[in-house]
């Protein structure tokens, strides 16, 4: 399976990778829904997550104060480091095979690992985003602790002056339109998709491999010509690299599953790609 994947990657014209929480657990970051996941062990934390966006809209100052004084459920993400899987994807990009990574993860580890063409579908904990114009800034550009001490929360956008929030997409918050557009562009163009470390049950992210397989973008009112056109789109090979089968496996939407840890399998695929390209 590893050799087969390497050969298909080399033959591909536009390969993309979709990554989920299982990718980052190997960097010590807990997932949410797994047996030892944050919400599995703390249902109250899940309940609070579902009302967080409403809280932000009603009282952004209070929302920010809670973010800056409360504990982080995911630990200190700024200290988390990429694992071999992150570096393998970055290397596949460097040699021109992987064109993009679309990730559910908010930890910024793909960027730290060296991948350049990234779509952070659910945002990044390391960035702030304007609630109106969607301009993004690294959180280090704001002295959030000083703003709280001076009673100046919430932070305001340097571009338009509107209120900022973390870039992380909250429950009930729409996926930013630029993220939707970029994701659809890549899904429409890809002829090979690696599904890495995602359970494929969180929507709308879980729709991306289905759209790649079916090339059905009618629900998004895409034109018959132009950058989102389904006409002339290549067939797609979908390969899962996951610890366990997913709905994609069970529904026959993926071509095959390589079962195991992404941090172990992806470096082997990279090694095989390099060997075959010699």
Protein backbone atom coordinates (compact mmCIF):
# COMPACT_ATOMS: atom_id res chain seq x y z
CA UNK A 1 0.00 0.00 0.00
CA UNK A 2 2.85 2.39 0.78
CA UNK A 3 4.54 1.70 -2.57
CA UNK A 4 1.21 1.98 -4.37
CA UNK A 5 0.53 5.35 -2.71
CA UNK A 6 4.00 6.60 -3.63
CA UNK A 7 3.51 5.63 -7.28
CA UNK A 8 0.11 7.30 -7.43
CA UNK A 9 1.50 10.46 -5.83
CA UNK A 10 4.26 10.61 -8.45
CA UNK A 11 1.69 10.20 -11.25
CA UNK A 12 -0.64 12.83 -9.81
CA UNK A 13 -0.87 16.35 -11.21
CA UNK A 14 -2.55 18.04 -8.25
CA UNK A 15 -2.36 16.15 -4.95
CA UNK A 16 -3.83 17.60 -1.76
CA UNK A 17 -3.92 16.36 1.82
CA UNK A 18 -6.77 16.72 4.29
CA UNK A 19 -5.69 16.44 7.93
CA UNK A 20 -7.56 16.17 11.21
CA UNK A 21 -7.08 15.86 14.95
CA UNK A 22 -5.49 12.40 14.72
CA UNK A 23 -2.58 14.04 12.94
CA UNK A 24 -1.74 16.21 15.94
CA UNK A 25 -2.27 13.67 18.72
CA UNK A 26 1.22 12.40 17.86
CA UNK A 27 2.49 15.86 18.86
CA UNK A 28 0.86 15.49 22.27
CA UNK A 29 -2.27 17.50 21.45
CA UNK A 30 -5.45 15.75 22.61
CA UNK A 31 -8.36 15.23 20.24
CA UNK A 32 -11.95 16.02 21.14
CA UNK A 33 -14.08 12.97 20.41
CA UNK A 34 -11.70 10.04 20.87
CA UNK A 35 -11.83 7.67 23.87
CA UNK A 36 -9.46 9.98 25.77
CA UNK A 37 -10.69 13.13 24.03
CA UNK A 38 -11.36 16.41 25.77
CA UNK A 39 -15.11 16.25 25.35
CA UNK A 40 -15.30 12.53 26.06
CA UNK A 41 -13.78 13.19 29.47
CA UNK A 42 -15.38 16.58 30.06
CA UNK A 43 -18.91 16.88 28.60
CA UNK A 44 -19.33 20.28 30.27
CA UNK A 45 -16.46 21.62 28.16
CA UNK A 46 -18.33 20.48 25.05
CA UNK A 47 -21.52 22.18 26.24
CA UNK A 48 -19.63 25.45 26.77
CA UNK A 49 -18.05 25.17 23.33
CA UNK A 50 -21.49 25.10 21.73
CA UNK A 51 -22.46 28.44 23.28
CA UNK A 52 -19.09 30.20 22.90
CA UNK A 53 -19.89 32.01 19.64
CA UNK A 54 -23.18 33.28 21.01
CA UNK A 55 -21.26 34.59 24.04
CA UNK A 56 -18.78 36.37 21.75
CA UNK A 57 -21.57 38.07 19.81
CA UNK A 58 -23.39 39.15 22.98
CA UNK A 59 -20.40 40.28 25.04
CA UNK A 60 -17.02 40.23 23.24
CA UNK A 61 -15.24 41.88 26.19
CA UNK A 62 -16.34 39.14 28.60
CA UNK A 63 -15.56 36.47 26.00
CA UNK A 64 -12.01 37.75 25.62
CA UNK A 65 -11.49 37.97 29.39
CA UNK A 66 -12.49 34.32 29.72
CA UNK A 67 -10.10 33.36 26.91
CA UNK A 68 -7.17 35.15 28.53
CA UNK A 69 -7.75 34.01 32.12
CA UNK A 70 -9.22 30.52 31.75
CA UNK A 71 -7.28 27.27 31.25
CA UNK A 72 -6.49 26.04 27.74
CA UNK A 73 -8.19 22.71 27.08
CA UNK A 74 -5.58 21.86 24.45
CA UNK A 75 -2.57 22.85 26.57
CA UNK A 76 0.10 25.31 25.48
CA UNK A 77 -0.21 25.02 21.70
CA UNK A 78 2.51 27.60 21.10
CA UNK A 79 5.02 25.15 22.60
CA UNK A 80 3.75 22.15 20.62
CA UNK A 81 6.11 20.88 17.95
CA UNK A 82 5.45 19.18 14.60
CA UNK A 83 5.82 15.41 14.37
CA UNK A 84 7.32 13.34 11.51
CA UNK A 85 3.99 13.38 9.66
CA UNK A 86 4.04 17.19 9.45
CA UNK A 87 7.60 17.17 8.13
CA UNK A 88 6.78 14.44 5.59
CA UNK A 89 3.94 16.47 4.08
CA UNK A 90 6.19 19.55 3.98
CA UNK A 91 8.86 17.55 2.13
CA UNK A 92 6.29 16.21 -0.36
CA UNK A 93 5.36 19.83 -1.04
CA UNK A 94 9.01 20.87 -1.43
CA UNK A 95 9.64 18.25 -4.11
CA UNK A 96 6.58 19.47 -6.00
CA UNK A 97 4.20 16.57 -5.45
CA UNK A 98 1.81 17.84 -2.77
CA UNK A 99 0.13 21.08 -3.81
CA UNK A 100 -1.77 21.95 -0.64
CA UNK A 101 -2.82 20.89 2.85
CA UNK A 102 -6.37 21.58 4.02
CA UNK A 103 -6.46 21.05 7.77
CA UNK A 104 -9.10 20.96 10.47
CA UNK A 105 -6.41 21.52 13.06
CA UNK A 106 -6.07 24.88 14.77
CA UNK A 107 -2.59 24.30 16.22
CA UNK A 108 -0.46 25.82 13.45
CA UNK A 109 1.82 22.77 13.33
CA UNK A 110 1.71 22.39 9.55
CA UNK A 111 3.10 25.91 9.23
CA UNK A 112 5.74 25.19 11.88
CA UNK A 113 6.61 21.97 10.03
CA UNK A 114 7.40 23.87 6.85
CA UNK A 115 4.30 23.48 4.69
CA UNK A 116 3.60 26.71 2.83
CA UNK A 117 0.33 26.17 0.97
CA UNK A 118 -2.11 25.64 3.85
CA UNK A 119 -5.83 26.21 4.22
CA UNK A 120 -6.72 26.27 7.93
CA UNK A 121 -10.35 25.26 7.60
CA UNK A 122 -11.23 25.89 11.23
CA UNK A 123 -8.75 28.71 11.71
CA UNK A 124 -5.63 28.96 13.86
CA UNK A 125 -5.17 29.53 17.58
CA UNK A 126 -2.03 31.50 16.70
CA UNK A 127 -3.96 34.18 14.77
CA UNK A 128 -6.70 36.76 15.30
CA UNK A 129 -9.36 37.47 12.69
CA UNK A 130 -11.55 40.52 12.22
CA UNK A 131 -15.22 39.65 12.73
CA UNK A 132 -16.19 42.00 9.87
CA UNK A 133 -13.49 42.21 7.18
CA UNK A 134 -11.81 38.84 7.99
CA UNK A 135 -8.30 40.35 8.01
CA UNK A 136 -5.94 38.04 9.93
CA UNK A 137 -2.98 38.90 12.15
CA UNK A 138 -0.61 36.85 14.25
CA UNK A 139 -1.67 37.11 17.87
CA UNK A 140 1.84 38.33 18.81
CA UNK A 141 0.98 41.57 17.00
CA UNK A 142 -1.41 42.37 19.85
CA UNK A 143 -0.44 42.84 23.51
CA UNK A 144 -3.55 41.11 24.78
CA UNK A 145 -2.39 41.07 28.40
CA UNK A 146 -1.90 44.85 28.34
CA UNK A 147 -5.28 45.38 26.68
CA UNK A 148 -6.89 43.43 29.51
CA UNK A 149 -4.97 45.33 32.20
CA UNK A 150 -5.97 48.64 30.63
CA UNK A 151 -9.60 47.53 30.27
CA UNK A 152 -9.37 47.90 26.49
CA UNK A 153 -10.68 44.51 25.41
CA UNK A 154 -11.76 43.40 22.87
CA UNK A 155 -8.90 44.10 20.43
CA UNK A 156 -9.83 46.03 17.30
CA UNK A 157 -8.86 45.42 13.69
CA UNK A 158 -5.99 47.57 12.39
CA UNK A 159 -7.61 47.47 8.93
CA UNK A 160 -11.21 48.50 9.60
CA UNK A 161 -11.47 49.12 13.34
CA UNK A 162 -13.99 46.35 13.99
CA UNK A 163 -13.85 43.83 16.83
CA UNK A 164 -11.35 40.97 16.57
CA UNK A 165 -11.74 37.38 17.74
CA UNK A 166 -9.41 34.44 17.62
CA UNK A 167 -9.21 32.95 14.13
CA UNK A 168 -10.60 29.65 15.45
CA UNK A 169 -14.05 28.92 13.99
CA UNK A 170 -16.53 28.39 16.80
CA UNK A 171 -19.69 26.26 16.78
CA UNK A 172 -22.41 28.21 15.01
CA UNK A 173 -19.91 30.49 13.32
CA UNK A 174 -19.80 30.28 9.51
CA UNK A 175 -16.60 29.02 7.89
CA UNK A 176 -14.98 32.22 6.51
CA UNK A 177 -15.86 32.76 2.86
CA UNK A 178 -12.21 32.96 1.73
CA UNK A 179 -11.54 29.57 3.35
CA UNK A 180 -14.58 28.02 1.66
CA UNK A 181 -13.49 29.42 -1.71
CA UNK A 182 -9.88 28.21 -1.42
CA UNK A 183 -10.98 24.76 -0.25
CA UNK A 184 -13.41 24.34 -3.12
CA UNK A 185 -10.81 25.46 -5.64
CA UNK A 186 -8.36 22.82 -4.43
CA UNK A 187 -10.95 20.07 -4.12
CA UNK A 188 -12.15 20.76 -7.67
CA UNK A 189 -8.62 20.67 -9.09
CA UNK A 190 -7.21 17.68 -7.22
CA UNK A 191 -6.69 14.29 -8.81
CA UNK A 192 -5.34 12.67 -5.62
CA UNK A 193 -6.43 13.27 -2.05
CA UNK A 194 -4.71 11.98 1.09
CA UNK A 195 -7.09 11.81 4.08
CA UNK A 196 -4.83 11.84 7.14
CA UNK A 197 -5.87 11.51 10.77
CA UNK A 198 -9.48 12.64 10.44
CA UNK A 199 -12.60 10.77 11.49
CA UNK A 200 -14.53 12.38 8.60
CA UNK A 201 -17.57 13.08 10.77
CA UNK A 202 -17.28 16.85 11.30
CA UNK A 203 -19.15 18.86 8.69
CA UNK A 204 -18.81 20.75 6.40
CA UNK A 205 -15.15 19.60 6.31
CA UNK A 206 -16.25 15.97 5.87
CA UNK A 207 -18.02 16.98 2.64
CA UNK A 208 -14.73 17.83 0.90
CA UNK A 209 -13.70 14.26 0.00
CA UNK A 210 -17.27 13.53 -1.03
CA UNK A 211 -17.24 16.51 -3.39
CA UNK A 212 -13.87 15.45 -4.76
CA UNK A 213 -15.20 11.98 -5.45
CA UNK A 214 -18.55 12.98 -6.89
CA UNK A 215 -17.64 16.37 -8.40
CA UNK A 216 -21.07 17.55 -7.37
CA UNK A 217 -20.91 21.23 -6.54
CA UNK A 218 -24.48 22.06 -7.48
CA UNK A 219 -25.37 22.91 -3.89
CA UNK A 220 -22.79 25.69 -4.05
CA UNK A 221 -24.32 27.08 -7.29
CA UNK A 222 -21.06 26.80 -9.20
CA UNK A 223 -21.12 27.88 -12.86
CA UNK A 224 -20.56 25.48 -15.75
CA UNK A 225 -17.43 27.38 -16.73
CA UNK A 226 -14.79 29.15 -14.68
CA UNK A 227 -12.54 28.19 -11.77
CA UNK A 228 -15.17 26.01 -10.06
CA UNK A 229 -16.52 24.29 -13.13
CA UNK A 230 -17.06 20.55 -12.89
CA UNK A 231 -16.51 20.12 -16.64
CA UNK A 232 -13.25 18.45 -17.52
CA UNK A 233 -12.37 17.72 -13.87
CA UNK A 234 -10.04 14.72 -13.51
CA UNK A 235 -11.02 11.58 -11.68
CA UNK A 236 -9.70 11.53 -8.14
CA UNK A 237 -7.89 8.86 -6.13
CA UNK A 238 -8.74 9.06 -2.42
CA UNK A 239 -6.36 7.38 0.02
CA UNK A 240 -6.98 7.25 3.76
CA UNK A 241 -4.17 7.11 6.31
CA UNK A 242 -5.91 6.63 9.64
CA UNK A 243 -5.72 4.62 12.82
CA UNK A 244 -9.24 3.29 12.20
CA UNK A 245 -11.72 3.02 9.33
CA UNK A 246 -14.01 6.03 8.84
CA UNK A 247 -17.39 6.57 7.17
CA UNK A 248 -15.41 7.20 3.97
CA UNK A 249 -14.01 3.68 4.25
CA UNK A 250 -17.34 2.08 5.06
CA UNK A 251 -19.20 3.93 2.30
CA UNK A 252 -16.57 2.96 -0.28
CA UNK A 253 -15.73 6.59 -1.02
CA UNK A 254 -12.01 6.06 -0.50
CA UNK A 255 -9.98 3.80 -2.77
CA UNK A 256 -8.09 2.23 0.11
CA UNK A 257 -7.04 2.66 3.73
CA UNK A 258 -3.53 2.41 5.13
CA UNK A 259 -4.21 1.74 8.79
CA UNK A 260 -1.77 3.15 11.34
CA UNK A 261 -0.21 6.35 12.65
CA UNK A 262 0.27 9.19 10.19
CA UNK A 263 3.60 10.06 11.82
CA UNK A 264 4.90 6.60 10.94
CA UNK A 265 3.27 5.97 7.55
CA UNK A 266 3.81 9.33 5.83
CA UNK A 267 7.62 9.30 6.28
CA UNK A 268 7.65 5.82 4.71
CA UNK A 269 5.61 7.08 1.76
CA UNK A 270 8.00 10.02 1.38
CA UNK A 271 10.99 7.67 1.44
CA UNK A 272 9.38 5.48 -1.24
CA UNK A 273 8.59 8.53 -3.39
CA UNK A 274 12.21 9.65 -3.26
CA UNK A 275 13.42 6.15 -4.12
CA UNK A 276 11.07 5.82 -7.09
CA UNK A 277 11.98 9.27 -8.43
CA UNK A 278 15.71 8.49 -8.58
